[in-house]
mmCIF file of all heavy atoms, coordinates in Angstrom:
data_MODEL
# 
_entry.id   MODEL 
# 
loop_
_atom_site.group_PDB 
_atom_site.id 
_atom_site.type_symbol 
_atom_site.label_atom_id 
_atom_site.label_alt_id 
_atom_site.label_comp_id 
_atom_site.label_asym_id 
_atom_site.label_entity_id 
_atom_site.label_seq_id 
_atom_site.pdbx_PDB_ins_code 
_atom_site.Cartn_x 
_atom_site.Cartn_y 
_atom_site.Cartn_z 
_atom_site.occupancy 
_atom_site.B_iso_or_equiv 
_atom_site.pdbx_formal_charge 
_atom_site.auth_seq_id 
_atom_site.auth_comp_id 
_atom_site.auth_asym_id 
_atom_site.auth_atom_id 
_atom_site.pdbx_PDB_model_num 
ATOM 1   N N   . ASN A 1 1  ? 0.794  -1.209  -0.008  1.00 0.00 ? 1  ASN A N   1 
ATOM 2   C CA  . ASN A 1 1  ? 0.022  -0.060  -0.028  1.00 0.00 ? 1  ASN A CA  1 
ATOM 3   C C   . ASN A 1 1  ? 0.906  1.280   -0.016  1.00 0.00 ? 1  ASN A C   1 
ATOM 4   O O   . ASN A 1 1  ? 2.012  1.201   0.314   1.00 0.00 ? 1  ASN A O   1 
ATOM 5   C CB  . ASN A 1 1  ? -0.904 0.017   1.257   1.00 0.00 ? 1  ASN A CB  1 
ATOM 6   C CG  . ASN A 1 1  ? -1.877 -1.172  1.280   1.00 0.00 ? 1  ASN A CG  1 
ATOM 7   O OD1 . ASN A 1 1  ? -2.343 -1.628  0.238   1.00 0.00 ? 1  ASN A OD1 1 
ATOM 8   N ND2 . ASN A 1 1  ? -2.261 -1.567  2.478   1.00 0.00 ? 1  ASN A ND2 1 
ATOM 9   N N   . SER A 1 2  ? 0.229  2.366   -0.229  1.00 0.00 ? 2  SER A N   1 
ATOM 10  C CA  . SER A 1 2  ? 0.995  3.664   -0.347  1.00 0.00 ? 2  SER A CA  1 
ATOM 11  C C   . SER A 1 2  ? 2.275  3.587   -1.137  1.00 0.00 ? 2  SER A C   1 
ATOM 12  O O   . SER A 1 2  ? 3.306  4.039   -0.693  1.00 0.00 ? 2  SER A O   1 
ATOM 13  C CB  . SER A 1 2  ? 1.187  4.184   1.030   1.00 0.00 ? 2  SER A CB  1 
ATOM 14  O OG  . SER A 1 2  ? -0.013 4.291   1.844   1.00 0.00 ? 2  SER A OG  1 
ATOM 15  N N   . LEU A 1 3  ? 2.207  3.028   -2.251  1.00 0.00 ? 3  LEU A N   1 
ATOM 16  C CA  . LEU A 1 3  ? 3.408  2.704   -3.022  1.00 0.00 ? 3  LEU A CA  1 
ATOM 17  C C   . LEU A 1 3  ? 4.087  4.086   -3.438  1.00 0.00 ? 3  LEU A C   1 
ATOM 18  O O   . LEU A 1 3  ? 3.458  5.018   -3.789  1.00 0.00 ? 3  LEU A O   1 
ATOM 19  C CB  . LEU A 1 3  ? 3.070  1.894   -4.277  1.00 0.00 ? 3  LEU A CB  1 
ATOM 20  C CG  . LEU A 1 3  ? 2.863  0.420   -3.917  1.00 0.00 ? 3  LEU A CG  1 
ATOM 21  C CD1 . LEU A 1 3  ? 2.148  -0.338  -5.142  1.00 0.00 ? 3  LEU A CD1 1 
ATOM 22  C CD2 . LEU A 1 3  ? 4.212  -0.261  -3.678  1.00 0.00 ? 3  LEU A CD2 1 
ATOM 23  N N   . LYS A 1 4  ? 5.412  4.003   -3.555  1.00 0.00 ? 4  LYS A N   1 
ATOM 24  C CA  . LYS A 1 4  ? 6.280  5.114   -3.882  1.00 0.00 ? 4  LYS A CA  1 
ATOM 25  C C   . LYS A 1 4  ? 7.082  4.753   -5.159  1.00 0.00 ? 4  LYS A C   1 
ATOM 26  O O   . LYS A 1 4  ? 7.344  3.586   -5.353  1.00 0.00 ? 4  LYS A O   1 
ATOM 27  C CB  . LYS A 1 4  ? 7.213  5.533   -2.726  1.00 0.00 ? 4  LYS A CB  1 
ATOM 28  C CG  . LYS A 1 4  ? 6.503  5.805   -1.435  1.00 0.00 ? 4  LYS A CG  1 
ATOM 29  C CD  . LYS A 1 4  ? 7.517  6.043   -0.286  1.00 0.00 ? 4  LYS A CD  1 
ATOM 30  C CE  . LYS A 1 4  ? 6.856  6.296   0.953   1.00 0.00 ? 4  LYS A CE  1 
ATOM 31  N NZ  . LYS A 1 4  ? 7.849  6.456   2.109   1.00 0.00 ? 4  LYS A NZ  1 
ATOM 32  N N   . PRO A 1 5  ? 7.546  5.788   -5.898  1.00 0.00 ? 5  PRO A N   1 
ATOM 33  C CA  . PRO A 1 5  ? 8.399  5.430   -7.025  1.00 0.00 ? 5  PRO A CA  1 
ATOM 34  C C   . PRO A 1 5  ? 9.701  4.651   -6.637  1.00 0.00 ? 5  PRO A C   1 
ATOM 35  O O   . PRO A 1 5  ? 10.122 3.838   -7.432  1.00 0.00 ? 5  PRO A O   1 
ATOM 36  C CB  . PRO A 1 5  ? 8.782  6.849   -7.580  1.00 0.00 ? 5  PRO A CB  1 
ATOM 37  C CG  . PRO A 1 5  ? 7.554  7.690   -7.181  1.00 0.00 ? 5  PRO A CG  1 
ATOM 38  C CD  . PRO A 1 5  ? 7.175  7.212   -5.832  1.00 0.00 ? 5  PRO A CD  1 
ATOM 39  N N   . GLU A 1 6  ? 10.174 4.889   -5.424  1.00 0.00 ? 6  GLU A N   1 
ATOM 40  C CA  . GLU A 1 6  ? 11.266 4.258   -4.910  1.00 0.00 ? 6  GLU A CA  1 
ATOM 41  C C   . GLU A 1 6  ? 11.115 2.696   -4.735  1.00 0.00 ? 6  GLU A C   1 
ATOM 42  O O   . GLU A 1 6  ? 11.958 1.920   -4.613  1.00 0.00 ? 6  GLU A O   1 
ATOM 43  C CB  . GLU A 1 6  ? 11.732 4.742   -3.528  1.00 0.00 ? 6  GLU A CB  1 
ATOM 44  C CG  . GLU A 1 6  ? 12.034 6.292   -3.689  1.00 0.00 ? 6  GLU A CG  1 
ATOM 45  C CD  . GLU A 1 6  ? 10.796 7.083   -3.284  1.00 0.00 ? 6  GLU A CD  1 
ATOM 46  O OE1 . GLU A 1 6  ? 10.027 7.330   -4.177  1.00 0.00 ? 6  GLU A OE1 1 
ATOM 47  O OE2 . GLU A 1 6  ? 10.743 7.552   -2.067  1.00 0.00 ? 6  GLU A OE2 1 
ATOM 48  N N   . ASP A 1 7  ? 9.841  2.274   -4.790  1.00 0.00 ? 7  ASP A N   1 
ATOM 49  C CA  . ASP A 1 7  ? 9.467  0.891   -4.608  1.00 0.00 ? 7  ASP A CA  1 
ATOM 50  C C   . ASP A 1 7  ? 9.631  0.091   -5.963  1.00 0.00 ? 7  ASP A C   1 
ATOM 51  O O   . ASP A 1 7  ? 9.423  -1.099  -5.992  1.00 0.00 ? 7  ASP A O   1 
ATOM 52  C CB  . ASP A 1 7  ? 7.998  0.696   -4.116  1.00 0.00 ? 7  ASP A CB  1 
ATOM 53  C CG  . ASP A 1 7  ? 7.915  1.231   -2.682  1.00 0.00 ? 7  ASP A CG  1 
ATOM 54  O OD1 . ASP A 1 7  ? 8.751  0.984   -1.828  1.00 0.00 ? 7  ASP A OD1 1 
ATOM 55  O OD2 . ASP A 1 7  ? 6.794  1.858   -2.464  1.00 0.00 ? 7  ASP A OD2 1 
ATOM 56  N N   . THR A 1 8  ? 9.854  0.786   -7.054  1.00 0.00 ? 8  THR A N   1 
ATOM 57  C CA  . THR A 1 8  ? 9.943  0.209   -8.380  1.00 0.00 ? 8  THR A CA  1 
ATOM 58  C C   . THR A 1 8  ? 11.112 -0.773  -8.374  1.00 0.00 ? 8  THR A C   1 
ATOM 59  O O   . THR A 1 8  ? 12.252 -0.395  -8.089  1.00 0.00 ? 8  THR A O   1 
ATOM 60  C CB  . THR A 1 8  ? 10.166 1.343   -9.427  1.00 0.00 ? 8  THR A CB  1 
ATOM 61  O OG1 . THR A 1 8  ? 8.994  2.032   -9.501  1.00 0.00 ? 8  THR A OG1 1 
ATOM 62  C CG2 . THR A 1 8  ? 10.400 0.641   -10.817 1.00 0.00 ? 8  THR A CG2 1 
ATOM 63  N N   . ALA A 1 9  ? 10.790 -1.985  -8.746  1.00 0.00 ? 9  ALA A N   1 
ATOM 64  C CA  . ALA A 1 9  ? 11.832 -2.997  -8.810  1.00 0.00 ? 9  ALA A CA  1 
ATOM 65  C C   . ALA A 1 9  ? 11.235 -4.298  -9.227  1.00 0.00 ? 9  ALA A C   1 
ATOM 66  O O   . ALA A 1 9  ? 10.086 -4.387  -9.450  1.00 0.00 ? 9  ALA A O   1 
ATOM 67  C CB  . ALA A 1 9  ? 12.382 -3.279  -7.427  1.00 0.00 ? 9  ALA A CB  1 
ATOM 68  N N   . VAL A 1 10 ? 12.033 -5.297  -9.550  1.00 0.00 ? 10 VAL A N   1 
ATOM 69  C CA  . VAL A 1 10 ? 11.584 -6.628  -9.767  1.00 0.00 ? 10 VAL A CA  1 
ATOM 70  C C   . VAL A 1 10 ? 11.602 -7.293  -8.366  1.00 0.00 ? 10 VAL A C   1 
ATOM 71  O O   . VAL A 1 10 ? 12.514 -7.219  -7.579  1.00 0.00 ? 10 VAL A O   1 
ATOM 72  C CB  . VAL A 1 10 ? 12.602 -7.472  -10.620 1.00 0.00 ? 10 VAL A CB  1 
ATOM 73  C CG1 . VAL A 1 10 ? 12.125 -8.898  -10.778 1.00 0.00 ? 10 VAL A CG1 1 
ATOM 74  C CG2 . VAL A 1 10 ? 12.595 -6.788  -12.040 1.00 0.00 ? 10 VAL A CG2 1 
ATOM 75  N N   . TYR A 1 11 ? 10.446 -7.868  -8.103  1.00 0.00 ? 11 TYR A N   1 
ATOM 76  C CA  . TYR A 1 11 ? 10.092 -8.441  -6.739  1.00 0.00 ? 11 TYR A CA  1 
ATOM 77  C C   . TYR A 1 11 ? 10.204 -10.010 -6.837  1.00 0.00 ? 11 TYR A C   1 
ATOM 78  O O   . TYR A 1 11 ? 9.651  -10.538 -7.770  1.00 0.00 ? 11 TYR A O   1 
ATOM 79  C CB  . TYR A 1 11 ? 8.745  -8.055  -6.247  1.00 0.00 ? 11 TYR A CB  1 
ATOM 80  C CG  . TYR A 1 11 ? 8.834  -6.646  -5.686  1.00 0.00 ? 11 TYR A CG  1 
ATOM 81  C CD1 . TYR A 1 11 ? 8.935  -5.535  -6.501  1.00 0.00 ? 11 TYR A CD1 1 
ATOM 82  C CD2 . TYR A 1 11 ? 8.659  -6.478  -4.289  1.00 0.00 ? 11 TYR A CD2 1 
ATOM 83  C CE1 . TYR A 1 11 ? 8.890  -4.339  -5.956  1.00 0.00 ? 11 TYR A CE1 1 
ATOM 84  C CE2 . TYR A 1 11 ? 8.704  -5.178  -3.725  1.00 0.00 ? 11 TYR A CE2 1 
ATOM 85  C CZ  . TYR A 1 11 ? 8.798  -4.032  -4.573  1.00 0.00 ? 11 TYR A CZ  1 
ATOM 86  O OH  . TYR A 1 11 ? 8.819  -2.836  -4.026  1.00 0.00 ? 11 TYR A OH  1 
ATOM 87  N N   . TYR A 1 12 ? 10.994 -10.547 -5.954  1.00 0.00 ? 12 TYR A N   1 
ATOM 88  C CA  . TYR A 1 12 ? 11.186 -12.010 -6.011  1.00 0.00 ? 12 TYR A CA  1 
ATOM 89  C C   . TYR A 1 12 ? 10.710 -12.683 -4.741  1.00 0.00 ? 12 TYR A C   1 
ATOM 90  O O   . TYR A 1 12 ? 10.968 -12.211 -3.622  1.00 0.00 ? 12 TYR A O   1 
ATOM 91  C CB  . TYR A 1 12 ? 12.717 -12.322 -6.063  1.00 0.00 ? 12 TYR A CB  1 
ATOM 92  C CG  . TYR A 1 12 ? 13.405 -11.788 -7.362  1.00 0.00 ? 12 TYR A CG  1 
ATOM 93  C CD1 . TYR A 1 12 ? 13.930 -10.568 -7.413  1.00 0.00 ? 12 TYR A CD1 1 
ATOM 94  C CD2 . TYR A 1 12 ? 13.467 -12.705 -8.473  1.00 0.00 ? 12 TYR A CD2 1 
ATOM 95  C CE1 . TYR A 1 12 ? 14.522 -10.140 -8.560  1.00 0.00 ? 12 TYR A CE1 1 
ATOM 96  C CE2 . TYR A 1 12 ? 14.048 -12.238 -9.626  1.00 0.00 ? 12 TYR A CE2 1 
ATOM 97  C CZ  . TYR A 1 12 ? 14.648 -10.904 -9.663  1.00 0.00 ? 12 TYR A CZ  1 
ATOM 98  O OH  . TYR A 1 12 ? 15.255 -10.567 -10.802 1.00 0.00 ? 12 TYR A OH  1 
ATOM 99  N N   . CYS A 1 13 ? 10.007 -13.761 -4.908  1.00 0.00 ? 13 CYS A N   1 
ATOM 100 C CA  . CYS A 1 13 ? 9.675  -14.681 -3.847  1.00 0.00 ? 13 CYS A CA  1 
ATOM 101 C C   . CYS A 1 13 ? 10.680 -15.633 -3.551  1.00 0.00 ? 13 CYS A C   1 
ATOM 102 O O   . CYS A 1 13 ? 11.316 -16.157 -4.519  1.00 0.00 ? 13 CYS A O   1 
ATOM 103 C CB  . CYS A 1 13 ? 8.266  -15.344 -4.138  1.00 0.00 ? 13 CYS A CB  1 
ATOM 104 S SG  . CYS A 1 13 ? 7.731  -16.543 -2.991  1.00 0.00 ? 13 CYS A SG  1 
ATOM 105 N N   . ALA A 1 14 ? 11.005 -15.962 -2.350  1.00 0.00 ? 14 ALA A N   1 
ATOM 106 C CA  . ALA A 1 14 ? 12.038 -16.899 -2.015  1.00 0.00 ? 14 ALA A CA  1 
ATOM 107 C C   . ALA A 1 14 ? 11.763 -17.750 -0.766  1.00 0.00 ? 14 ALA A C   1 
ATOM 108 O O   . ALA A 1 14 ? 11.047 -17.290 0.054   1.00 0.00 ? 14 ALA A O   1 
ATOM 109 C CB  . ALA A 1 14 ? 13.424 -16.179 -1.848  1.00 0.00 ? 14 ALA A CB  1 
ATOM 110 N N   . ALA A 1 15 ? 12.316 -18.903 -0.753  1.00 0.00 ? 15 ALA A N   1 
ATOM 111 C CA  . ALA A 1 15 ? 12.125 -19.803 0.431   1.00 0.00 ? 15 ALA A CA  1 
ATOM 112 C C   . ALA A 1 15 ? 13.526 -20.182 1.097   1.00 0.00 ? 15 ALA A C   1 
ATOM 113 O O   . ALA A 1 15 ? 14.582 -20.362 0.425   1.00 0.00 ? 15 ALA A O   1 
ATOM 114 C CB  . ALA A 1 15 ? 11.515 -21.135 -0.017  1.00 0.00 ? 15 ALA A CB  1 
ATOM 115 N N   . CYS A 1 16 ? 13.528 -20.022 2.414   1.00 0.00 ? 16 CYS A N   1 
ATOM 116 C CA  . CYS A 1 16 ? 14.725 -20.262 3.177   1.00 0.00 ? 16 CYS A CA  1 
ATOM 117 C C   . CYS A 1 16 ? 14.487 -21.445 4.223   1.00 0.00 ? 16 CYS A C   1 
ATOM 118 O O   . CYS A 1 16 ? 13.623 -21.309 5.014   1.00 0.00 ? 16 CYS A O   1 
ATOM 119 C CB  . CYS A 1 16 ? 15.136 -18.975 3.924   1.00 0.00 ? 16 CYS A CB  1 
ATOM 120 S SG  . CYS A 1 16 ? 16.627 -18.987 4.870   1.00 0.00 ? 16 CYS A SG  1 
ATOM 121 N N   . GLY A 1 17 ? 15.281 -22.467 4.132   1.00 0.00 ? 17 GLY A N   1 
ATOM 122 C CA  . GLY A 1 17 ? 15.106 -23.551 4.986   1.00 0.00 ? 17 GLY A CA  1 
ATOM 123 C C   . GLY A 1 17 ? 15.747 -24.819 4.453   1.00 0.00 ? 17 GLY A C   1 
ATOM 124 O O   . GLY A 1 17 ? 16.390 -24.873 3.435   1.00 0.00 ? 17 GLY A O   1 
ATOM 125 N N   . PRO A 1 18 ? 15.609 -25.835 5.291   1.00 0.00 ? 18 PRO A N   1 
ATOM 126 C CA  . PRO A 1 18 ? 14.891 -26.013 6.442   1.00 0.00 ? 18 PRO A CA  1 
ATOM 127 C C   . PRO A 1 18 ? 15.527 -25.250 7.652   1.00 0.00 ? 18 PRO A C   1 
ATOM 128 O O   . PRO A 1 18 ? 14.830 -24.987 8.642   1.00 0.00 ? 18 PRO A O   1 
ATOM 129 C CB  . PRO A 1 18 ? 14.920 -27.512 6.681   1.00 0.00 ? 18 PRO A CB  1 
ATOM 130 C CG  . PRO A 1 18 ? 16.173 -27.990 6.129   1.00 0.00 ? 18 PRO A CG  1 
ATOM 131 C CD  . PRO A 1 18 ? 16.289 -27.137 4.874   1.00 0.00 ? 18 PRO A CD  1 
ATOM 132 N N   . VAL A 1 19 ? 16.766 -24.814 7.514   1.00 0.00 ? 19 VAL A N   1 
ATOM 133 C CA  . VAL A 1 19 ? 17.455 -24.051 8.540   1.00 0.00 ? 19 VAL A CA  1 
ATOM 134 C C   . VAL A 1 19 ? 17.779 -22.607 7.888   1.00 0.00 ? 19 VAL A C   1 
ATOM 135 O O   . VAL A 1 19 ? 18.347 -22.520 6.819   1.00 0.00 ? 19 VAL A O   1 
ATOM 136 C CB  . VAL A 1 19 ? 18.745 -24.667 9.056   1.00 0.00 ? 19 VAL A CB  1 
ATOM 137 C CG1 . VAL A 1 19 ? 19.476 -23.666 10.053  1.00 0.00 ? 19 VAL A CG1 1 
ATOM 138 C CG2 . VAL A 1 19 ? 18.426 -25.970 9.691   1.00 0.00 ? 19 VAL A CG2 1 
ATOM 139 N N   . CYS A 1 20 ? 17.355 -21.576 8.529   1.00 0.00 ? 20 CYS A N   1 
ATOM 140 C CA  . CYS A 1 20 ? 17.449 -20.236 8.025   1.00 0.00 ? 20 CYS A CA  1 
ATOM 141 C C   . CYS A 1 20 ? 18.069 -19.334 9.081   1.00 0.00 ? 20 CYS A C   1 
ATOM 142 O O   . CYS A 1 20 ? 17.490 -18.888 10.051  1.00 0.00 ? 20 CYS A O   1 
ATOM 143 C CB  . CYS A 1 20 ? 16.169 -19.603 7.546   1.00 0.00 ? 20 CYS A CB  1 
ATOM 144 S SG  . CYS A 1 20 ? 16.315 -18.159 6.543   1.00 0.00 ? 20 CYS A SG  1 
ATOM 145 N N   . ARG A 1 21 ? 19.443 -19.103 9.001   1.00 0.00 ? 21 ARG A N   1 
ATOM 146 C CA  . ARG A 1 21 ? 20.183 -18.389 9.988   1.00 0.00 ? 21 ARG A CA  1 
ATOM 147 C C   . ARG A 1 21 ? 20.238 -16.941 9.873   1.00 0.00 ? 21 ARG A C   1 
ATOM 148 O O   . ARG A 1 21 ? 20.392 -16.209 10.785  1.00 0.00 ? 21 ARG A O   1 
ATOM 149 C CB  . ARG A 1 21 ? 21.554 -18.931 10.002  1.00 0.00 ? 21 ARG A CB  1 
ATOM 150 C CG  . ARG A 1 21 ? 21.724 -20.430 10.302  1.00 0.00 ? 21 ARG A CG  1 
ATOM 151 C CD  . ARG A 1 21 ? 23.134 -20.920 10.412  1.00 0.00 ? 21 ARG A CD  1 
ATOM 152 N NE  . ARG A 1 21 ? 23.227 -22.357 10.410  1.00 0.00 ? 21 ARG A NE  1 
ATOM 153 C CZ  . ARG A 1 21 ? 22.984 -23.082 11.598  1.00 0.00 ? 21 ARG A CZ  1 
ATOM 154 N NH1 . ARG A 1 21 ? 22.718 -22.543 12.743  1.00 0.00 ? 21 ARG A NH1 1 
ATOM 155 N NH2 . ARG A 1 21 ? 23.126 -24.415 11.457  1.00 0.00 ? 21 ARG A NH2 1 
ATOM 156 N N   . ALA A 1 22 ? 20.020 -16.469 8.577   1.00 0.00 ? 22 ALA A N   1 
ATOM 157 C CA  . ALA A 1 22 ? 20.139 -15.035 8.283   1.00 0.00 ? 22 ALA A CA  1 
ATOM 158 C C   . ALA A 1 22 ? 19.044 -14.625 7.278   1.00 0.00 ? 22 ALA A C   1 
ATOM 159 O O   . ALA A 1 22 ? 19.273 -14.474 6.019   1.00 0.00 ? 22 ALA A O   1 
ATOM 160 C CB  . ALA A 1 22 ? 21.555 -14.644 7.820   1.00 0.00 ? 22 ALA A CB  1 
ATOM 161 N N   . PRO A 1 23 ? 17.748 -14.546 7.676   1.00 0.00 ? 23 PRO A N   1 
ATOM 162 C CA  . PRO A 1 23 ? 16.674 -14.384 6.755   1.00 0.00 ? 23 PRO A CA  1 
ATOM 163 C C   . PRO A 1 23 ? 16.633 -13.100 5.974   1.00 0.00 ? 23 PRO A C   1 
ATOM 164 O O   . PRO A 1 23 ? 15.792 -12.957 5.154   1.00 0.00 ? 23 PRO A O   1 
ATOM 165 C CB  . PRO A 1 23 ? 15.473 -14.475 7.683   1.00 0.00 ? 23 PRO A CB  1 
ATOM 166 C CG  . PRO A 1 23 ? 15.936 -14.144 9.105   1.00 0.00 ? 23 PRO A CG  1 
ATOM 167 C CD  . PRO A 1 23 ? 17.329 -14.667 9.140   1.00 0.00 ? 23 PRO A CD  1 
ATOM 168 N N   . THR A 1 24 ? 17.519 -12.133 6.255   1.00 0.00 ? 24 THR A N   1 
ATOM 169 C CA  . THR A 1 24 ? 17.566 -10.900 5.459   1.00 0.00 ? 24 THR A CA  1 
ATOM 170 C C   . THR A 1 24 ? 18.668 -11.028 4.345   1.00 0.00 ? 24 THR A C   1 
ATOM 171 O O   . THR A 1 24 ? 18.743 -10.010 3.640   1.00 0.00 ? 24 THR A O   1 
ATOM 172 C CB  . THR A 1 24 ? 17.874 -9.633  6.351   1.00 0.00 ? 24 THR A CB  1 
ATOM 173 O OG1 . THR A 1 24 ? 19.153 -9.794  6.904   1.00 0.00 ? 24 THR A OG1 1 
ATOM 174 C CG2 . THR A 1 24 ? 16.874 -9.571  7.521   1.00 0.00 ? 24 THR A CG2 1 
ATOM 175 N N   . ARG A 1 25 ? 19.292 -12.012 4.384   1.00 0.00 ? 25 ARG A N   1 
ATOM 176 C CA  . ARG A 1 25 ? 20.399 -12.147 3.344   1.00 0.00 ? 25 ARG A CA  1 
ATOM 177 C C   . ARG A 1 25 ? 19.973 -13.099 2.218   1.00 0.00 ? 25 ARG A C   1 
ATOM 178 O O   . ARG A 1 25 ? 19.584 -14.238 2.421   1.00 0.00 ? 25 ARG A O   1 
ATOM 179 C CB  . ARG A 1 25 ? 21.695 -12.736 4.016   1.00 0.00 ? 25 ARG A CB  1 
ATOM 180 C CG  . ARG A 1 25 ? 22.119 -11.969 5.280   1.00 0.00 ? 25 ARG A CG  1 
ATOM 181 C CD  . ARG A 1 25 ? 22.528 -10.581 4.881   1.00 0.00 ? 25 ARG A CD  1 
ATOM 182 N NE  . ARG A 1 25 ? 22.967 -9.767  6.022   1.00 0.00 ? 25 ARG A NE  1 
ATOM 183 C CZ  . ARG A 1 25 ? 24.196 -9.774  6.499   1.00 0.00 ? 25 ARG A CZ  1 
ATOM 184 N NH1 . ARG A 1 25 ? 25.177 -10.418 5.808   1.00 0.00 ? 25 ARG A NH1 1 
ATOM 185 N NH2 . ARG A 1 25 ? 24.434 -9.010  7.543   1.00 0.00 ? 25 ARG A NH2 1 
# 
């Protein structure tokens, strides 16, 4: 919601597991 021009990008879905130690990487 409230999208901004800075949000423009290719968005990717991803899965981390079964062990995920650094979920922002």
